[in-house]
């Protein structure tokens, strides 16, 4: 599995439910290599549920989560375990929460080695010791109103920086990127709004 943040998802009714985290790890590695002709109806329905849940988030969060089209992606996967790499996603706890929420409606296993957690539907977290920390993470992401995406960061901080820098001769120069450029005659103060890592 290397130096990546991979999440593996498989149909528990067809390929089985792990009893402990190490078994989930072994199953993920084996099923990620096992070729199949078509995905199961349960996995296809899971993908549709993920997309339905995704629509409950604002458009900015939807684009940052990279889950649009997951149902089609699952359908085109010819491995027993669907694999998604989320190493570049700053909102990965929210992404995993959406996957776990969808798992409650389908008999699937979700394995995330990087976060050291697995969800065995309908509501079992492996290892058991990870459940309390996972609940804290979910609570933090769902109750904390601090900006989470670049667009939200820019909307939140640009007025603050304007108030801070304009009195000193800077002016905000509009650009199309995730930056706010404040320039003065011979100097530029550049603020880049980027993902918040959880």
C-alpha atoms as a PDB file:
ATOM      1  CA  UNK A   1       0.000   0.000   0.000  1.00  0.00           C
ATOM      2  CA  UNK A   2       3.049   2.238   0.177  1.00  0.00           C
ATOM      3  CA  UNK A   3       3.236   5.905   1.015  1.00  0.00           C
ATOM      4  CA  UNK A   4      -0.302   6.876  -0.002  1.00  0.00           C
ATOM      5  CA  UNK A   5      -3.610   7.473   1.715  1.00  0.00           C
ATOM      6  CA  UNK A   6      -5.790   4.752   0.258  1.00  0.00           C
ATOM      7  CA  UNK A   7      -9.296   3.763   1.230  1.00  0.00           C
ATOM      8  CA  UNK A   8     -10.556   0.311   0.223  1.00  0.00           C
ATOM      9  CA  UNK A   9     -14.241  -0.583   0.031  1.00  0.00           C
ATOM     10  CA  UNK A  10     -15.755  -3.990  -0.607  1.00  0.00           C
ATOM     11  CA  UNK A  11     -19.056  -5.836  -0.458  1.00  0.00           C
ATOM     12  CA  UNK A  12     -19.189  -7.568   2.923  1.00  0.00           C
ATOM     13  CA  UNK A  13     -21.942  -9.969   1.837  1.00  0.00           C
ATOM     14  CA  UNK A  14     -19.792 -11.323  -0.996  1.00  0.00           C
ATOM     15  CA  UNK A  15     -16.239 -11.068   0.365  1.00  0.00           C
ATOM     16  CA  UNK A  16     -16.798 -11.185   4.114  1.00  0.00           C
ATOM     17  CA  UNK A  17     -16.540  -9.020   7.219  1.00  0.00           C
ATOM     18  CA  UNK A  18     -13.271  -8.813   9.150  1.00  0.00           C
ATOM     19  CA  UNK A  19     -13.375  -9.521  12.860  1.00  0.00           C
ATOM     20  CA  UNK A  20     -10.350  -7.353  13.724  1.00  0.00           C
ATOM     21  CA  UNK A  21      -8.268  -4.599  12.132  1.00  0.00           C
ATOM     22  CA  UNK A  22      -5.387  -6.830  11.007  1.00  0.00           C
ATOM     23  CA  UNK A  23      -7.835  -9.081   9.180  1.00  0.00           C
ATOM     24  CA  UNK A  24      -9.317  -5.993   7.472  1.00  0.00           C
ATOM     25  CA  UNK A  25      -5.798  -5.029   6.369  1.00  0.00           C
ATOM     26  CA  UNK A  26      -5.150  -8.486   4.916  1.00  0.00           C
ATOM     27  CA  UNK A  27      -8.535  -8.549   3.172  1.00  0.00           C
ATOM     28  CA  UNK A  28      -7.997  -5.078   1.650  1.00  0.00           C
ATOM     29  CA  UNK A  29      -4.629  -6.079   0.176  1.00  0.00           C
ATOM     30  CA  UNK A  30      -5.981  -9.345  -1.218  1.00  0.00           C
ATOM     31  CA  UNK A  31      -9.265  -7.955  -2.583  1.00  0.00           C
ATOM     32  CA  UNK A  32      -7.542  -4.949  -4.180  1.00  0.00           C
ATOM     33  CA  UNK A  33      -5.692  -7.415  -6.434  1.00  0.00           C
ATOM     34  CA  UNK A  34      -8.600  -9.796  -7.117  1.00  0.00           C
ATOM     35  CA  UNK A  35     -10.100  -9.218 -10.587  1.00  0.00           C
ATOM     36  CA  UNK A  36     -13.842  -9.384 -11.118  1.00  0.00           C
ATOM     37  CA  UNK A  37     -16.025  -8.964 -14.201  1.00  0.00           C
ATOM     38  CA  UNK A  38     -18.596  -6.576 -12.710  1.00  0.00           C
ATOM     39  CA  UNK A  39     -19.229  -4.880  -9.405  1.00  0.00           C
ATOM     40  CA  UNK A  40     -21.957  -6.176  -7.125  1.00  0.00           C
ATOM     41  CA  UNK A  41     -25.375  -4.495  -6.978  1.00  0.00           C
ATOM     42  CA  UNK A  42     -24.648  -3.617  -3.351  1.00  0.00           C
ATOM     43  CA  UNK A  43     -21.463  -1.715  -4.278  1.00  0.00           C
ATOM     44  CA  UNK A  44     -23.273   0.128  -7.081  1.00  0.00           C
ATOM     45  CA  UNK A  45     -26.031   1.147  -4.657  1.00  0.00           C
ATOM     46  CA  UNK A  46     -23.369   2.246  -2.142  1.00  0.00           C
ATOM     47  CA  UNK A  47     -21.844   4.561  -4.779  1.00  0.00           C
ATOM     48  CA  UNK A  48     -25.243   6.101  -5.467  1.00  0.00           C
ATOM     49  CA  UNK A  49     -25.807   6.648  -1.744  1.00  0.00           C
ATOM     50  CA  UNK A  50     -22.434   8.395  -1.436  1.00  0.00           C
ATOM     51  CA  UNK A  51     -23.415  10.755  -4.258  1.00  0.00           C
ATOM     52  CA  UNK A  52     -26.795  11.413  -2.627  1.00  0.00           C
ATOM     53  CA  UNK A  53     -25.118  12.252   0.696  1.00  0.00           C
ATOM     54  CA  UNK A  54     -22.562  14.447  -1.063  1.00  0.00           C
ATOM     55  CA  UNK A  55     -25.374  16.667  -2.357  1.00  0.00           C
ATOM     56  CA  UNK A  56     -26.185  17.684   1.230  1.00  0.00           C
ATOM     57  CA  UNK A  57     -22.894  19.648   1.398  1.00  0.00           C
ATOM     58  CA  UNK A  58     -22.281  23.049  -0.167  1.00  0.00           C
ATOM     59  CA  UNK A  59     -20.771  23.149  -3.663  1.00  0.00           C
ATOM     60  CA  UNK A  60     -17.356  24.261  -2.432  1.00  0.00           C
ATOM     61  CA  UNK A  61     -17.079  21.256  -0.122  1.00  0.00           C
ATOM     62  CA  UNK A  62     -18.425  18.951  -2.850  1.00  0.00           C
ATOM     63  CA  UNK A  63     -15.672  19.998  -5.251  1.00  0.00           C
ATOM     64  CA  UNK A  64     -12.980  19.590  -2.567  1.00  0.00           C
ATOM     65  CA  UNK A  65     -14.162  16.092  -1.645  1.00  0.00           C
ATOM     66  CA  UNK A  66     -13.739  14.673  -5.161  1.00  0.00           C
ATOM     67  CA  UNK A  67     -16.625  12.248  -4.719  1.00  0.00           C
ATOM     68  CA  UNK A  68     -18.729  13.349  -7.689  1.00  0.00           C
ATOM     69  CA  UNK A  69     -18.969  10.456 -10.109  1.00  0.00           C
ATOM     70  CA  UNK A  70     -17.994   7.813  -7.548  1.00  0.00           C
ATOM     71  CA  UNK A  71     -20.945   5.600  -8.563  1.00  0.00           C
ATOM     72  CA  UNK A  72     -19.696   5.446 -12.161  1.00  0.00           C
ATOM     73  CA  UNK A  73     -16.119   4.964 -10.959  1.00  0.00           C
ATOM     74  CA  UNK A  74     -17.161   2.013  -8.780  1.00  0.00           C
ATOM     75  CA  UNK A  75     -19.092   0.508 -11.719  1.00  0.00           C
ATOM     76  CA  UNK A  76     -15.964   0.698 -13.899  1.00  0.00           C
ATOM     77  CA  UNK A  77     -13.725  -0.910 -11.270  1.00  0.00           C
ATOM     78  CA  UNK A  78     -12.829  -4.513 -12.005  1.00  0.00           C
ATOM     79  CA  UNK A  79     -11.328  -5.331  -8.625  1.00  0.00           C
ATOM     80  CA  UNK A  80     -13.158  -6.889  -5.679  1.00  0.00           C
ATOM     81  CA  UNK A  81     -12.157  -3.936  -3.480  1.00  0.00           C
ATOM     82  CA  UNK A  82     -12.753  -0.443  -4.822  1.00  0.00           C
ATOM     83  CA  UNK A  83      -9.673   1.680  -4.106  1.00  0.00           C
ATOM     84  CA  UNK A  84      -9.634   5.452  -3.839  1.00  0.00           C
ATOM     85  CA  UNK A  85      -6.539   7.505  -3.124  1.00  0.00           C
ATOM     86  CA  UNK A  86      -7.248  10.536  -0.944  1.00  0.00           C
ATOM     87  CA  UNK A  87      -3.709  11.735  -0.189  1.00  0.00           C
ATOM     88  CA  UNK A  88      -4.330  15.226  -1.612  1.00  0.00           C
ATOM     89  CA  UNK A  89      -7.686  15.811   0.055  1.00  0.00           C
ATOM     90  CA  UNK A  90      -7.571  18.194   2.999  1.00  0.00           C
ATOM     91  CA  UNK A  91     -11.078  17.279   4.026  1.00  0.00           C
ATOM     92  CA  UNK A  92     -10.323  13.565   4.284  1.00  0.00           C
ATOM     93  CA  UNK A  93     -12.121  13.102   7.639  1.00  0.00           C
ATOM     94  CA  UNK A  94     -15.295  14.532   6.108  1.00  0.00           C
ATOM     95  CA  UNK A  95     -14.857  12.303   3.051  1.00  0.00           C
ATOM     96  CA  UNK A  96     -14.439   9.217   5.242  1.00  0.00           C
ATOM     97  CA  UNK A  97     -17.465  10.293   7.326  1.00  0.00           C
ATOM     98  CA  UNK A  98     -19.599  10.397   4.157  1.00  0.00           C
ATOM     99  CA  UNK A  99     -18.354   6.915   3.214  1.00  0.00           C
ATOM    100  CA  UNK A 100     -19.081   5.604   6.736  1.00  0.00           C
ATOM    101  CA  UNK A 101     -22.570   7.171   6.667  1.00  0.00           C
ATOM    102  CA  UNK A 102     -23.282   5.486   3.328  1.00  0.00           C
ATOM    103  CA  UNK A 103     -22.002   2.196   4.751  1.00  0.00           C
ATOM    104  CA  UNK A 104     -24.820   2.266   7.315  1.00  0.00           C
ATOM    105  CA  UNK A 105     -27.273   1.696   4.458  1.00  0.00           C
ATOM    106  CA  UNK A 106     -25.281  -1.054   2.712  1.00  0.00           C
ATOM    107  CA  UNK A 107     -23.340  -4.099   3.758  1.00  0.00           C
ATOM    108  CA  UNK A 108     -19.825  -2.899   2.936  1.00  0.00           C
ATOM    109  CA  UNK A 109     -16.442  -2.699   4.622  1.00  0.00           C
ATOM    110  CA  UNK A 110     -14.406   0.509   4.432  1.00  0.00           C
ATOM    111  CA  UNK A 111     -10.733   0.214   5.293  1.00  0.00           C
ATOM    112  CA  UNK A 112      -8.416   3.222   5.755  1.00  0.00           C
ATOM    113  CA  UNK A 113      -4.899   2.115   6.675  1.00  0.00           C
ATOM    114  CA  UNK A 114      -3.507   5.658   6.916  1.00  0.00           C
ATOM    115  CA  UNK A 115      -6.140   6.697   9.468  1.00  0.00           C
ATOM    116  CA  UNK A 116      -5.817   3.246  11.091  1.00  0.00           C
ATOM    117  CA  UNK A 117      -9.556   2.655  11.006  1.00  0.00           C
ATOM    118  CA  UNK A 118     -12.087   0.362   9.376  1.00  0.00           C
ATOM    119  CA  UNK A 119     -15.865   0.535   9.276  1.00  0.00           C
ATOM    120  CA  UNK A 120     -17.740  -2.735   9.072  1.00  0.00           C
ATOM    121  CA  UNK A 121     -21.356  -1.915   8.329  1.00  0.00           C
ATOM    122  CA  UNK A 122     -23.718  -1.266   9.769  1.00  0.00           C
ATOM    123  CA  UNK A 123     -21.854   0.436  12.618  1.00  0.00           C
ATOM    124  CA  UNK A 124     -18.719  -1.373  13.806  1.00  0.00           C
ATOM    125  CA  UNK A 125     -15.403   0.494  14.010  1.00  0.00           C
ATOM    126  CA  UNK A 126     -12.130  -1.451  14.014  1.00  0.00           C
ATOM    127  CA  UNK A 127      -9.982  -1.442  16.008  1.00  0.00           C
ATOM    128  CA  UNK A 128     -12.294  -0.787  18.936  1.00  0.00           C
ATOM    129  CA  UNK A 129      -9.736   1.652  20.377  1.00  0.00           C
ATOM    130  CA  UNK A 130     -10.202   3.921  17.323  1.00  0.00           C
ATOM    131  CA  UNK A 131     -13.930   4.449  17.861  1.00  0.00           C
ATOM    132  CA  UNK A 132     -13.625   7.196  20.507  1.00  0.00           C
ATOM    133  CA  UNK A 133     -11.071   9.129  18.450  1.00  0.00           C
ATOM    134  CA  UNK A 134     -13.191   8.742  15.325  1.00  0.00           C
ATOM    135  CA  UNK A 135     -16.250  10.157  17.146  1.00  0.00           C
ATOM    136  CA  UNK A 136     -14.146  13.159  18.256  1.00  0.00           C
ATOM    137  CA  UNK A 137     -12.973  13.738  14.684  1.00  0.00           C
ATOM    138  CA  UNK A 138     -16.529  13.602  13.340  1.00  0.00           C
ATOM    139  CA  UNK A 139     -17.742  15.980  16.047  1.00  0.00           C
ATOM    140  CA  UNK A 140     -14.918  18.428  15.298  1.00  0.00           C
ATOM    141  CA  UNK A 141     -15.685  18.431  11.583  1.00  0.00           C
ATOM    142  CA  UNK A 142     -19.443  18.734  11.967  1.00  0.00           C
ATOM    143  CA  UNK A 143     -19.584  21.372  14.733  1.00  0.00           C
ATOM    144  CA  UNK A 144     -16.536  23.517  13.947  1.00  0.00           C
ATOM    145  CA  UNK A 145     -17.559  26.426  11.719  1.00  0.00           C
ATOM    146  CA  UNK A 146     -13.967  27.455  10.923  1.00  0.00           C
ATOM    147  CA  UNK A 147     -13.390  27.543   7.121  1.00  0.00           C
ATOM    148  CA  UNK A 148     -12.349  24.195   5.675  1.00  0.00           C
ATOM    149  CA  UNK A 149     -11.907  24.826   1.948  1.00  0.00           C
ATOM    150  CA  UNK A 150      -9.784  27.347   0.028  1.00  0.00           C
ATOM    151  CA  UNK A 151     -12.868  29.284  -1.096  1.00  0.00           C
ATOM    152  CA  UNK A 152     -14.181  29.451   2.483  1.00  0.00           C
ATOM    153  CA  UNK A 153     -10.719  30.505   3.738  1.00  0.00           C
ATOM    154  CA  UNK A 154     -10.518  33.320   1.201  1.00  0.00           C
ATOM    155  CA  UNK A 155     -14.023  34.547   2.052  1.00  0.00           C
ATOM    156  CA  UNK A 156     -13.182  34.509   5.778  1.00  0.00           C
ATOM    157  CA  UNK A 157      -9.674  35.987   5.762  1.00  0.00           C
ATOM    158  CA  UNK A 158      -9.595  38.407   2.826  1.00  0.00           C
ATOM    159  CA  UNK A 159     -11.657  41.095   4.630  1.00  0.00           C
ATOM    160  CA  UNK A 160      -9.490  40.699   7.745  1.00  0.00           C
ATOM    161  CA  UNK A 161      -6.295  41.071   5.735  1.00  0.00           C
ATOM    162  CA  UNK A 162      -7.740  44.009   3.835  1.00  0.00           C
ATOM    163  CA  UNK A 163      -8.472  45.792   7.112  1.00  0.00           C
ATOM    164  CA  UNK A 164      -4.981  44.974   8.331  1.00  0.00           C
ATOM    165  CA  UNK A 165      -2.954  45.919   5.237  1.00  0.00           C
ATOM    166  CA  UNK A 166      -4.868  48.720   3.462  1.00  0.00           C
ATOM    167  CA  UNK A 167      -4.106  51.281   6.210  1.00  0.00           C
ATOM    168  CA  UNK A 168      -0.401  50.678   5.469  1.00  0.00           C
ATOM    169  CA  UNK A 169      -0.677  51.527   1.784  1.00  0.00           C
ATOM    170  CA  UNK A 170      -1.423  48.081   0.379  1.00  0.00           C
ATOM    171  CA  UNK A 171      -4.335  47.387  -1.936  1.00  0.00           C
ATOM    172  CA  UNK A 172      -5.930  44.070  -2.787  1.00  0.00           C
ATOM    173  CA  UNK A 173      -5.325  43.020  -6.386  1.00  0.00           C
ATOM    174  CA  UNK A 174      -7.991  40.663  -7.677  1.00  0.00           C
ATOM    175  CA  UNK A 175      -6.852  37.425  -9.299  1.00  0.00           C
ATOM    176  CA  UNK A 176      -8.529  34.190 -10.285  1.00  0.00           C
ATOM    177  CA  UNK A 177      -6.480  31.904  -8.085  1.00  0.00           C
ATOM    178  CA  UNK A 178      -6.853  31.034  -4.442  1.00  0.00           C
ATOM    179  CA  UNK A 179      -4.640  33.999  -3.577  1.00  0.00           C
ATOM    180  CA  UNK A 180      -5.189  37.502  -2.381  1.00  0.00           C
ATOM    181  CA  UNK A 181      -2.370  39.752  -3.555  1.00  0.00           C
ATOM    182  CA  UNK A 182      -1.856  42.969  -1.616  1.00  0.00           C
ATOM    183  CA  UNK A 183       0.557  45.292  -3.361  1.00  0.00           C
ATOM    184  CA  UNK A 184       2.331  48.512  -2.469  1.00  0.00           C
ATOM    185  CA  UNK A 185       4.673  50.548  -4.656  1.00  0.00           C
ATOM    186  CA  UNK A 186       7.720  48.231  -4.260  1.00  0.00           C
ATOM    187  CA  UNK A 187       6.405  45.264  -2.324  1.00  0.00           C
ATOM    188  CA  UNK A 188       3.772  42.577  -2.621  1.00  0.00           C
ATOM    189  CA  UNK A 189       2.173  40.617   0.195  1.00  0.00           C
ATOM    190  CA  UNK A 190       0.710  37.384  -1.160  1.00  0.00           C
ATOM    191  CA  UNK A 191      -1.709  35.236   0.779  1.00  0.00           C
ATOM    192  CA  UNK A 192      -2.430  31.803  -0.638  1.00  0.00           C
ATOM    193  CA  UNK A 193      -5.584  30.117   0.583  1.00  0.00           C
ATOM    194  CA  UNK A 194      -5.057  26.384   0.723  1.00  0.00           C
ATOM    195  CA  UNK A 195      -6.641  23.285   2.156  1.00  0.00           C
ATOM    196  CA  UNK A 196      -6.804  22.824   5.893  1.00  0.00           C
ATOM    197  CA  UNK A 197      -5.272  19.499   6.883  1.00  0.00           C
ATOM    198  CA  UNK A 198      -7.218  17.716   9.614  1.00  0.00           C
END
